[in-house]
Amino acid sequence: MKMRLFVTAMAALITSVAFAYEPVLSLKADLDAVVSSGVVTPVDGITAAGQPDEAALKVFAERGYTTVIDLRTAGEDRGMDEPAVVESLGMDYVSLPIGRDSITYDSARKLDALIRDADGPVLVHCGSSNRVGALLALRKSLAGADDDDALAYGKDGGLSSLEGRVKEVLAED
């Protein structure tokens, strides 16, 4: 009887812990984890990342992503013919080259339109996700977020060394 009570109590404890657990989702994907696990989950319909390789792009395609938006400029090495790889996996490839001077509300509006026009989840990437996070912060500001919330959202998407530039743009309002 004591053993049955113990087993019942342990089962209840395990069940309550299992249902209380909610994974913490981040806008920025760890591409090594994406490849090793084969799992990626969009947040607000998007995933931010640094430069993906072919293996990572394959996982995004398998998980139903429809569009890859590349913020890297023409002179940046991607290590592959990214447009060809993306298209061979059945996704749309969109180039939106962003340099430091392109961290503007206008660029955030362009990114927003591309995300809205996509037929499914979108991967937005640059070299490290810093530019992605910068534009996501401005996009969040355009949607009505205060500066602190916009910056936090951008940081979750990879914003780092461009934070000062984003603050300059936010201050222009």
N, C-alpha and C. Protein backbone atom coordinates (compact mmCIF):
# COMPACT_ATOMS: atom_id res chain seq x y z
N MET A 1 0.82 -1.19 0.00
CA MET A 1 0.00 0.00 0.00
C MET A 1 0.87 1.26 0.00
N LYS A 2 1.93 1.24 0.84
CA LYS A 2 2.82 2.40 0.91
C LYS A 2 3.51 2.61 -0.44
N MET A 3 3.87 1.52 -1.08
CA MET A 3 4.55 1.63 -2.37
C MET A 3 3.60 2.22 -3.41
N ARG A 4 2.36 1.80 -3.42
CA ARG A 4 1.40 2.34 -4.39
C ARG A 4 1.19 3.83 -4.14
N LEU A 5 1.12 4.24 -2.88
CA LEU A 5 0.96 5.65 -2.53
C LEU A 5 2.19 6.45 -2.99
N PHE A 6 3.37 5.88 -2.76
CA PHE A 6 4.60 6.54 -3.20
C PHE A 6 4.63 6.71 -4.72
N VAL A 7 4.30 5.65 -5.44
CA VAL A 7 4.30 5.69 -6.91
C VAL A 7 3.28 6.71 -7.40
N THR A 8 2.12 6.76 -6.80
CA THR A 8 1.08 7.72 -7.19
C THR A 8 1.55 9.15 -6.93
N ALA A 9 2.18 9.37 -5.79
CA ALA A 9 2.69 10.70 -5.46
C ALA A 9 3.79 11.12 -6.43
N MET A 10 4.68 10.21 -6.76
CA MET A 10 5.76 10.52 -7.69
C MET A 10 5.20 10.81 -9.09
N ALA A 11 4.22 10.06 -9.52
CA ALA A 11 3.60 10.29 -10.83
C ALA A 11 2.95 11.67 -10.87
N ALA A 12 2.28 12.04 -9.79
CA ALA A 12 1.65 13.36 -9.74
C ALA A 12 2.70 14.46 -9.77
N LEU A 13 3.80 14.27 -9.06
CA LEU A 13 4.87 15.26 -9.05
C LEU A 13 5.49 15.41 -10.44
N ILE A 14 5.79 14.31 -11.07
CA ILE A 14 6.39 14.34 -12.41
C ILE A 14 5.43 15.00 -13.40
N THR A 15 4.17 14.69 -13.32
CA THR A 15 3.17 15.28 -14.22
C THR A 15 3.08 16.78 -14.01
N SER A 16 3.07 17.23 -12.75
CA SER A 16 2.95 18.67 -12.50
C SER A 16 4.19 19.41 -12.98
N VAL A 17 5.36 18.82 -12.81
CA VAL A 17 6.58 19.45 -13.29
C VAL A 17 6.57 19.49 -14.82
N ALA A 18 6.16 18.41 -15.46
CA ALA A 18 6.14 18.36 -16.92
C ALA A 18 5.21 19.41 -17.50
N PHE A 19 4.03 19.58 -16.89
CA PHE A 19 3.09 20.56 -17.42
C PHE A 19 3.47 21.99 -17.05
N ALA A 20 4.26 22.17 -16.00
CA ALA A 20 4.68 23.52 -15.61
C ALA A 20 5.81 24.03 -16.49
N TYR A 21 6.52 23.12 -17.14
CA TYR A 21 7.66 23.51 -17.97
C TYR A 21 7.17 24.11 -19.28
N GLU A 22 7.63 25.30 -19.56
CA GLU A 22 7.39 25.93 -20.86
C GLU A 22 8.74 26.33 -21.40
N PRO A 23 9.08 25.85 -22.58
CA PRO A 23 10.37 26.22 -23.12
C PRO A 23 10.43 27.72 -23.38
N VAL A 24 11.59 28.30 -23.15
CA VAL A 24 11.80 29.71 -23.40
C VAL A 24 12.19 29.84 -24.87
N LEU A 25 11.37 30.55 -25.63
CA LEU A 25 11.66 30.73 -27.04
C LEU A 25 12.40 32.05 -27.23
N SER A 26 13.35 32.02 -28.11
CA SER A 26 14.13 33.21 -28.42
C SER A 26 13.96 33.50 -29.91
N LEU A 27 13.97 34.78 -30.25
CA LEU A 27 13.91 35.15 -31.66
C LEU A 27 15.14 34.64 -32.40
N LYS A 28 16.31 34.73 -31.74
CA LYS A 28 17.56 34.32 -32.39
C LYS A 28 17.82 32.84 -32.17
N ALA A 29 17.99 32.14 -33.28
CA ALA A 29 18.25 30.71 -33.22
C ALA A 29 19.74 30.43 -33.07
N ASP A 30 20.05 29.43 -32.30
CA ASP A 30 21.40 28.87 -32.23
C ASP A 30 21.47 27.86 -33.38
N LEU A 31 22.16 28.21 -34.43
CA LEU A 31 22.14 27.37 -35.63
C LEU A 31 22.76 26.00 -35.40
N ASP A 32 23.74 25.89 -34.52
CA ASP A 32 24.30 24.57 -34.21
C ASP A 32 23.23 23.69 -33.57
N ALA A 33 22.44 24.27 -32.67
CA ALA A 33 21.36 23.50 -32.02
C ALA A 33 20.27 23.15 -33.03
N VAL A 34 19.98 24.05 -33.94
CA VAL A 34 18.98 23.78 -34.98
C VAL A 34 19.40 22.56 -35.79
N VAL A 35 20.66 22.53 -36.20
CA VAL A 35 21.15 21.42 -37.01
C VAL A 35 21.18 20.13 -36.21
N SER A 36 21.68 20.18 -34.97
CA SER A 36 21.81 18.94 -34.20
C SER A 36 20.46 18.39 -33.76
N SER A 37 19.49 19.26 -33.47
CA SER A 37 18.19 18.79 -33.01
C SER A 37 17.18 18.61 -34.14
N GLY A 38 17.39 19.33 -35.24
CA GLY A 38 16.42 19.29 -36.33
C GLY A 38 15.16 20.06 -36.01
N VAL A 39 15.24 20.92 -34.99
CA VAL A 39 14.05 21.65 -34.53
C VAL A 39 14.33 23.15 -34.52
N VAL A 40 13.36 23.92 -34.99
CA VAL A 40 13.41 25.37 -34.91
C VAL A 40 11.97 25.85 -34.82
N THR A 41 11.74 26.84 -33.96
CA THR A 41 10.39 27.34 -33.74
C THR A 41 10.38 28.85 -33.93
N PRO A 42 9.54 29.33 -34.85
CA PRO A 42 9.48 30.78 -35.05
C PRO A 42 8.81 31.49 -33.88
N VAL A 43 9.18 32.73 -33.66
CA VAL A 43 8.54 33.61 -32.68
C VAL A 43 7.94 34.76 -33.49
N ASP A 44 6.67 34.99 -33.34
CA ASP A 44 5.98 36.02 -34.13
C ASP A 44 6.17 35.78 -35.63
N GLY A 45 6.27 34.51 -36.03
CA GLY A 45 6.40 34.16 -37.43
C GLY A 45 7.79 34.27 -38.00
N ILE A 46 8.77 34.60 -37.16
CA ILE A 46 10.13 34.78 -37.66
C ILE A 46 11.16 34.10 -36.76
N THR A 47 12.32 33.86 -37.35
CA THR A 47 13.50 33.44 -36.61
C THR A 47 14.65 34.29 -37.11
N ALA A 48 15.43 34.81 -36.19
CA ALA A 48 16.62 35.60 -36.49
C ALA A 48 17.84 34.68 -36.36
N ALA A 49 18.86 34.97 -37.16
CA ALA A 49 20.06 34.14 -37.07
C ALA A 49 21.24 34.84 -37.72
N GLY A 50 22.41 34.29 -37.42
CA GLY A 50 23.61 34.64 -38.16
C GLY A 50 23.59 33.87 -39.47
N GLN A 51 24.71 33.81 -40.15
CA GLN A 51 24.77 33.15 -41.45
C GLN A 51 24.51 31.65 -41.32
N PRO A 52 23.44 31.16 -41.93
CA PRO A 52 23.19 29.71 -41.89
C PRO A 52 24.03 28.99 -42.95
N ASP A 53 24.29 27.71 -42.71
CA ASP A 53 24.90 26.89 -43.74
C ASP A 53 23.81 26.05 -44.38
N GLU A 54 24.18 25.21 -45.32
CA GLU A 54 23.20 24.42 -46.05
C GLU A 54 22.43 23.47 -45.13
N ALA A 55 23.10 22.89 -44.14
CA ALA A 55 22.43 21.97 -43.22
C ALA A 55 21.34 22.70 -42.42
N ALA A 56 21.64 23.92 -41.96
CA ALA A 56 20.65 24.69 -41.21
C ALA A 56 19.48 25.07 -42.12
N LEU A 57 19.78 25.50 -43.33
CA LEU A 57 18.71 25.87 -44.25
C LEU A 57 17.79 24.68 -44.52
N LYS A 58 18.35 23.50 -44.58
CA LYS A 58 17.54 22.30 -44.80
C LYS A 58 16.55 22.10 -43.65
N VAL A 59 16.99 22.32 -42.43
CA VAL A 59 16.09 22.18 -41.28
C VAL A 59 14.97 23.22 -41.35
N PHE A 60 15.32 24.46 -41.70
CA PHE A 60 14.28 25.48 -41.82
C PHE A 60 13.24 25.07 -42.86
N ALA A 61 13.70 24.56 -43.99
CA ALA A 61 12.77 24.11 -45.04
C ALA A 61 11.89 22.97 -44.54
N GLU A 62 12.51 22.01 -43.85
CA GLU A 62 11.75 20.86 -43.34
C GLU A 62 10.73 21.27 -42.29
N ARG A 63 10.98 22.37 -41.60
CA ARG A 63 10.07 22.85 -40.55
C ARG A 63 9.03 23.84 -41.08
N GLY A 64 8.94 23.97 -42.40
CA GLY A 64 7.87 24.75 -42.99
C GLY A 64 8.16 26.22 -43.24
N TYR A 65 9.40 26.63 -43.08
CA TYR A 65 9.74 28.02 -43.39
C TYR A 65 9.59 28.23 -44.90
N THR A 66 9.06 29.36 -45.27
CA THR A 66 8.80 29.63 -46.69
C THR A 66 9.75 30.65 -47.29
N THR A 67 10.38 31.46 -46.44
CA THR A 67 11.17 32.58 -46.95
C THR A 67 12.44 32.76 -46.13
N VAL A 68 13.52 33.09 -46.82
CA VAL A 68 14.78 33.47 -46.18
C VAL A 68 15.08 34.89 -46.63
N ILE A 69 15.20 35.80 -45.66
CA ILE A 69 15.55 37.19 -45.95
C ILE A 69 16.98 37.40 -45.49
N ASP A 70 17.84 37.72 -46.45
CA ASP A 70 19.28 37.87 -46.22
C ASP A 70 19.61 39.36 -46.16
N LEU A 71 20.08 39.83 -45.00
CA LEU A 71 20.43 41.23 -44.83
C LEU A 71 21.90 41.52 -45.16
N ARG A 72 22.64 40.52 -45.57
CA ARG A 72 24.06 40.72 -45.86
C ARG A 72 24.22 41.48 -47.18
N THR A 73 25.30 42.23 -47.26
CA THR A 73 25.58 43.00 -48.47
C THR A 73 26.27 42.10 -49.50
N ALA A 74 26.34 42.57 -50.73
CA ALA A 74 26.87 41.77 -51.83
C ALA A 74 28.29 41.29 -51.59
N GLY A 75 29.12 42.06 -50.93
CA GLY A 75 30.52 41.68 -50.73
C GLY A 75 30.77 40.70 -49.61
N GLU A 76 29.75 40.31 -48.88
CA GLU A 76 29.94 39.40 -47.75
C GLU A 76 29.86 37.95 -48.21
N ASP A 77 30.85 37.15 -47.79
CA ASP A 77 30.91 35.74 -48.18
C ASP A 77 29.91 34.92 -47.39
N ARG A 78 29.12 34.17 -48.10
CA ARG A 78 28.12 33.31 -47.47
C ARG A 78 28.58 31.86 -47.40
N GLY A 79 29.67 31.53 -48.07
CA GLY A 79 30.18 30.17 -48.03
C GLY A 79 29.45 29.22 -48.97
N MET A 80 28.52 29.74 -49.76
CA MET A 80 27.74 28.92 -50.69
C MET A 80 26.98 29.87 -51.61
N ASP A 81 26.34 29.32 -52.60
CA ASP A 81 25.44 30.10 -53.45
C ASP A 81 24.08 30.06 -52.74
N GLU A 82 23.92 30.96 -51.78
CA GLU A 82 22.73 30.91 -50.92
C GLU A 82 21.41 30.98 -51.68
N PRO A 83 21.25 31.90 -52.63
CA PRO A 83 19.97 31.92 -53.35
C PRO A 83 19.64 30.57 -53.99
N ALA A 84 20.63 29.93 -54.60
CA ALA A 84 20.40 28.63 -55.25
C ALA A 84 20.03 27.56 -54.23
N VAL A 85 20.73 27.53 -53.10
CA VAL A 85 20.45 26.53 -52.07
C VAL A 85 19.04 26.73 -51.51
N VAL A 86 18.71 27.97 -51.17
CA VAL A 86 17.39 28.27 -50.60
C VAL A 86 16.29 27.87 -51.57
N GLU A 87 16.44 28.26 -52.82
CA GLU A 87 15.42 27.94 -53.81
C GLU A 87 15.33 26.45 -54.09
N SER A 88 16.46 25.73 -54.03
CA SER A 88 16.43 24.28 -54.24
C SER A 88 15.69 23.56 -53.12
N LEU A 89 15.62 24.22 -51.96
CA LEU A 89 14.90 23.65 -50.81
C LEU A 89 13.42 24.07 -50.79
N GLY A 90 13.00 24.80 -51.82
CA GLY A 90 11.60 25.17 -51.94
C GLY A 90 11.20 26.44 -51.21
N MET A 91 12.18 27.22 -50.77
CA MET A 91 11.88 28.47 -50.09
C MET A 91 12.20 29.64 -51.01
N ASP A 92 11.62 30.79 -50.70
CA ASP A 92 11.92 32.02 -51.43
C ASP A 92 13.13 32.70 -50.79
N TYR A 93 14.03 33.19 -51.63
CA TYR A 93 15.19 33.93 -51.16
C TYR A 93 14.99 35.40 -51.49
N VAL A 94 15.17 36.25 -50.47
CA VAL A 94 15.02 37.70 -50.65
C VAL A 94 16.27 38.36 -50.10
N SER A 95 16.88 39.21 -50.93
CA SER A 95 18.03 39.98 -50.50
C SER A 95 17.59 41.39 -50.13
N LEU A 96 17.90 41.80 -48.91
CA LEU A 96 17.65 43.17 -48.44
C LEU A 96 18.96 43.64 -47.80
N PRO A 97 19.92 44.09 -48.63
CA PRO A 97 21.25 44.45 -48.10
C PRO A 97 21.17 45.61 -47.10
N ILE A 98 21.73 45.38 -45.93
CA ILE A 98 21.70 46.37 -44.85
C ILE A 98 23.11 46.59 -44.32
N GLY A 99 23.56 47.84 -44.41
CA GLY A 99 24.79 48.26 -43.77
C GLY A 99 24.43 49.13 -42.58
N ARG A 100 25.42 49.62 -41.85
CA ARG A 100 25.15 50.44 -40.66
C ARG A 100 24.27 51.64 -40.99
N ASP A 101 24.53 52.29 -42.10
CA ASP A 101 23.74 53.47 -42.47
C ASP A 101 22.31 53.12 -42.89
N SER A 102 22.06 51.84 -43.11
CA SER A 102 20.71 51.40 -43.49
C SER A 102 19.87 51.00 -42.29
N ILE A 103 20.40 51.19 -41.09
CA ILE A 103 19.62 50.91 -39.89
C ILE A 103 18.71 52.12 -39.69
N THR A 104 17.55 52.07 -40.33
CA THR A 104 16.60 53.19 -40.35
C THR A 104 15.18 52.65 -40.24
N TYR A 105 14.27 53.55 -39.95
CA TYR A 105 12.86 53.16 -39.94
C TYR A 105 12.42 52.70 -41.33
N ASP A 106 12.94 53.33 -42.37
CA ASP A 106 12.57 52.94 -43.72
C ASP A 106 12.95 51.47 -43.98
N SER A 107 14.15 51.08 -43.58
CA SER A 107 14.58 49.68 -43.74
C SER A 107 13.71 48.75 -42.90
N ALA A 108 13.35 49.18 -41.70
CA ALA A 108 12.48 48.36 -40.85
C ALA A 108 11.11 48.17 -41.50
N ARG A 109 10.61 49.22 -42.14
CA ARG A 109 9.33 49.11 -42.86
C ARG A 109 9.43 48.12 -44.02
N LYS A 110 10.56 48.18 -44.74
CA LYS A 110 10.77 47.23 -45.85
C LYS A 110 10.81 45.80 -45.34
N LEU A 111 11.54 45.59 -44.24
CA LEU A 111 11.60 44.25 -43.65
C LEU A 111 10.21 43.81 -43.21
N ASP A 112 9.47 44.70 -42.57
CA ASP A 112 8.13 44.38 -42.11
C ASP A 112 7.25 43.94 -43.28
N ALA A 113 7.31 44.66 -44.39
CA ALA A 113 6.50 44.31 -45.56
C ALA A 113 6.88 42.94 -46.10
N LEU A 114 8.17 42.64 -46.14
CA LEU A 114 8.62 41.33 -46.62
C LEU A 114 8.12 40.21 -45.70
N ILE A 115 8.17 40.45 -44.40
CA ILE A 115 7.70 39.43 -43.45
C ILE A 115 6.19 39.24 -43.60
N ARG A 116 5.45 40.33 -43.69
CA ARG A 116 3.99 40.24 -43.84
C ARG A 116 3.58 39.54 -45.14
N ASP A 117 4.37 39.73 -46.20
CA ASP A 117 4.03 39.14 -47.50
C ASP A 117 4.40 37.66 -47.61
N ALA A 118 5.16 37.15 -46.67
CA ALA A 118 5.58 35.74 -46.72
C ALA A 118 4.38 34.83 -46.43
N ASP A 119 4.43 33.66 -47.05
CA ASP A 119 3.34 32.68 -46.90
C ASP A 119 3.50 31.77 -45.69
N GLY A 120 4.50 32.00 -44.88
CA GLY A 120 4.74 31.15 -43.73
C GLY A 120 5.89 31.72 -42.92
N PRO A 121 6.45 30.91 -42.03
CA PRO A 121 7.55 31.38 -41.19
C PRO A 121 8.74 31.86 -42.02
N VAL A 122 9.44 32.86 -41.48
CA VAL A 122 10.53 33.53 -42.18
C VAL A 122 11.81 33.45 -41.35
N LEU A 123 12.91 33.11 -42.02
CA LEU A 123 14.24 33.22 -41.43
C LEU A 123 14.83 34.54 -41.91
N VAL A 124 15.23 35.40 -40.97
CA VAL A 124 15.90 36.65 -41.31
C VAL A 124 17.31 36.54 -40.74
N HIS A 125 18.31 36.73 -41.61
CA HIS A 125 19.68 36.58 -41.13
C HIS A 125 20.61 37.63 -41.72
N CYS A 126 21.73 37.80 -41.02
CA CYS A 126 22.87 38.56 -41.52
C CYS A 126 24.09 37.75 -41.12
N GLY A 127 25.21 38.36 -40.86
CA GLY A 127 26.40 37.60 -40.47
C GLY A 127 26.32 37.05 -39.06
N SER A 128 25.81 37.88 -38.14
CA SER A 128 25.78 37.50 -36.72
C SER A 128 24.41 37.64 -36.08
N SER A 129 23.48 38.25 -36.76
CA SER A 129 22.13 38.58 -36.30
C SER A 129 22.07 39.96 -35.65
N ASN A 130 23.16 40.69 -35.64
CA ASN A 130 23.20 42.04 -35.08
C ASN A 130 22.31 42.99 -35.90
N ARG A 131 22.46 42.96 -37.21
CA ARG A 131 21.62 43.82 -38.06
C ARG A 131 20.17 43.39 -38.01
N VAL A 132 19.94 42.09 -37.92
CA VAL A 132 18.57 41.59 -37.80
C VAL A 132 17.94 42.16 -36.54
N GLY A 133 18.63 42.03 -35.42
CA GLY A 133 18.11 42.56 -34.16
C GLY A 133 17.87 44.05 -34.20
N ALA A 134 18.75 44.78 -34.90
CA ALA A 134 18.59 46.23 -35.02
C ALA A 134 17.29 46.57 -35.74
N LEU A 135 17.05 45.91 -36.87
CA LEU A 135 15.82 46.20 -37.61
C LEU A 135 14.58 45.69 -36.89
N LEU A 136 14.71 44.57 -36.17
CA LEU A 136 13.57 44.08 -35.40
C LEU A 136 13.20 45.05 -34.29
N ALA A 137 14.20 45.68 -33.68
CA ALA A 137 13.92 46.68 -32.64
C ALA A 137 13.15 47.86 -33.23
N LEU A 138 13.60 48.34 -34.39
CA LEU A 138 12.91 49.46 -35.02
C LEU A 138 11.52 49.05 -35.50
N ARG A 139 11.40 47.83 -35.96
CA ARG A 139 10.08 47.31 -36.39
C ARG A 139 9.12 47.29 -35.19
N LYS A 140 9.63 46.87 -34.04
CA LYS A 140 8.81 46.82 -32.83
C LYS A 140 8.41 48.23 -32.42
N SER A 141 9.32 49.20 -32.55
CA SER A 141 9.01 50.58 -32.24
C SER A 141 7.91 51.10 -33.16
N LEU A 142 8.00 50.78 -34.44
CA LEU A 142 6.97 51.20 -35.39
C LEU A 142 5.60 50.62 -35.03
N ALA A 143 5.61 49.46 -34.39
CA ALA A 143 4.36 48.81 -33.98
C ALA A 143 3.82 49.37 -32.66
N GLY A 144 4.54 50.36 -32.09
CA GLY A 144 4.03 51.02 -30.89
C GLY A 144 4.75 50.72 -29.60
N ALA A 145 5.77 49.89 -29.64
CA ALA A 145 6.50 49.57 -28.40
C ALA A 145 7.30 50.78 -27.94
N ASP A 146 7.45 50.91 -26.62
CA ASP A 146 8.32 51.98 -26.13
C ASP A 146 9.78 51.58 -26.39
N ASP A 147 10.68 52.52 -26.23
CA ASP A 147 12.08 52.29 -26.59
C ASP A 147 12.70 51.12 -25.84
N ASP A 148 12.42 51.00 -24.54
CA ASP A 148 13.01 49.90 -23.76
C ASP A 148 12.53 48.55 -24.27
N ASP A 149 11.24 48.42 -24.54
CA ASP A 149 10.70 47.16 -25.04
C ASP A 149 11.22 46.86 -26.44
N ALA A 150 11.33 47.89 -27.27
CA ALA A 150 11.85 47.70 -28.63
C ALA A 150 13.30 47.22 -28.57
N LEU A 151 14.11 47.82 -27.70
CA LEU A 151 15.50 47.40 -27.57
C LEU A 151 15.61 45.98 -27.03
N ALA A 152 14.78 45.64 -26.06
CA ALA A 152 14.80 44.27 -25.51
C ALA A 152 14.44 43.26 -26.59
N TYR A 153 13.45 43.58 -27.40
CA TYR A 153 13.04 42.70 -28.49
C TYR A 153 14.20 42.55 -29.49
N GLY A 154 14.84 43.66 -29.81
CA GLY A 154 15.98 43.62 -30.73
C GLY A 154 17.12 42.78 -30.18
N LYS A 155 17.40 42.92 -28.89
CA LYS A 155 18.47 42.13 -28.27
C LYS A 155 18.14 40.65 -28.32
N ASP A 156 16.86 40.30 -28.15
CA ASP A 156 16.45 38.90 -28.25
C ASP A 156 16.67 38.39 -29.67
N GLY A 157 16.64 39.29 -30.64
CA GLY A 157 16.88 38.93 -32.03
C GLY A 157 18.33 39.03 -32.46
N GLY A 158 19.23 39.41 -31.55
CA GLY A 158 20.65 39.42 -31.87
C GLY A 158 21.32 40.78 -31.83
N LEU A 159 20.57 41.84 -31.54
CA LEU A 159 21.15 43.18 -31.47
C LEU A 159 22.27 43.22 -30.44
N SER A 160 23.42 43.75 -30.87
CA SER A 160 24.55 43.89 -29.94
C SER A 160 25.26 45.21 -30.22
N SER A 161 26.30 45.20 -31.02
CA SER A 161 27.10 46.40 -31.23
C SER A 161 26.39 47.52 -31.97
N LEU A 162 25.26 47.25 -32.58
CA LEU A 162 24.49 48.30 -33.26
C LEU A 162 23.45 48.96 -32.35
N GLU A 163 23.49 48.64 -31.07
CA GLU A 163 22.52 49.22 -30.14
C GLU A 163 22.59 50.74 -30.14
N GLY A 164 23.79 51.31 -30.18
CA GLY A 164 23.93 52.76 -30.21
C GLY A 164 23.26 53.37 -31.43
N ARG A 165 23.43 52.74 -32.57
CA ARG A 165 22.79 53.22 -33.80
C ARG A 165 21.27 53.15 -33.67
N VAL A 166 20.75 52.07 -33.12
CA VAL A 166 19.31 51.93 -32.93
C VAL A 166 18.80 53.03 -31.99
N LYS A 167 19.54 53.31 -30.93
CA LYS A 167 19.14 54.37 -30.00
C LYS A 167 19.10 55.72 -30.70
N GLU A 168 20.06 55.97 -31.61
CA GLU A 168 20.04 57.22 -32.38
C GLU A 168 18.77 57.34 -33.20
N VAL A 169 18.39 56.25 -33.87
CA VAL A 169 17.19 56.27 -34.71
C VAL A 169 15.94 56.43 -33.83
N LEU A 170 15.90 55.72 -32.71
CA LEU A 170 14.75 55.85 -31.80
C LEU A 170 14.61 57.28 -31.30
N ALA A 171 15.73 57.96 -31.09
CA ALA A 171 15.71 59.33 -30.57
C ALA A 171 15.24 60.35 -31.61
N GLU A 172 15.25 59.95 -32.88
CA GLU A 172 14.82 60.86 -33.94
C GLU A 172 13.33 61.16 -33.87
N ASP A 173 12.57 60.33 -33.20
CA ASP A 173 11.11 60.54 -33.10
C ASP A 173 10.78 61.69 -32.21
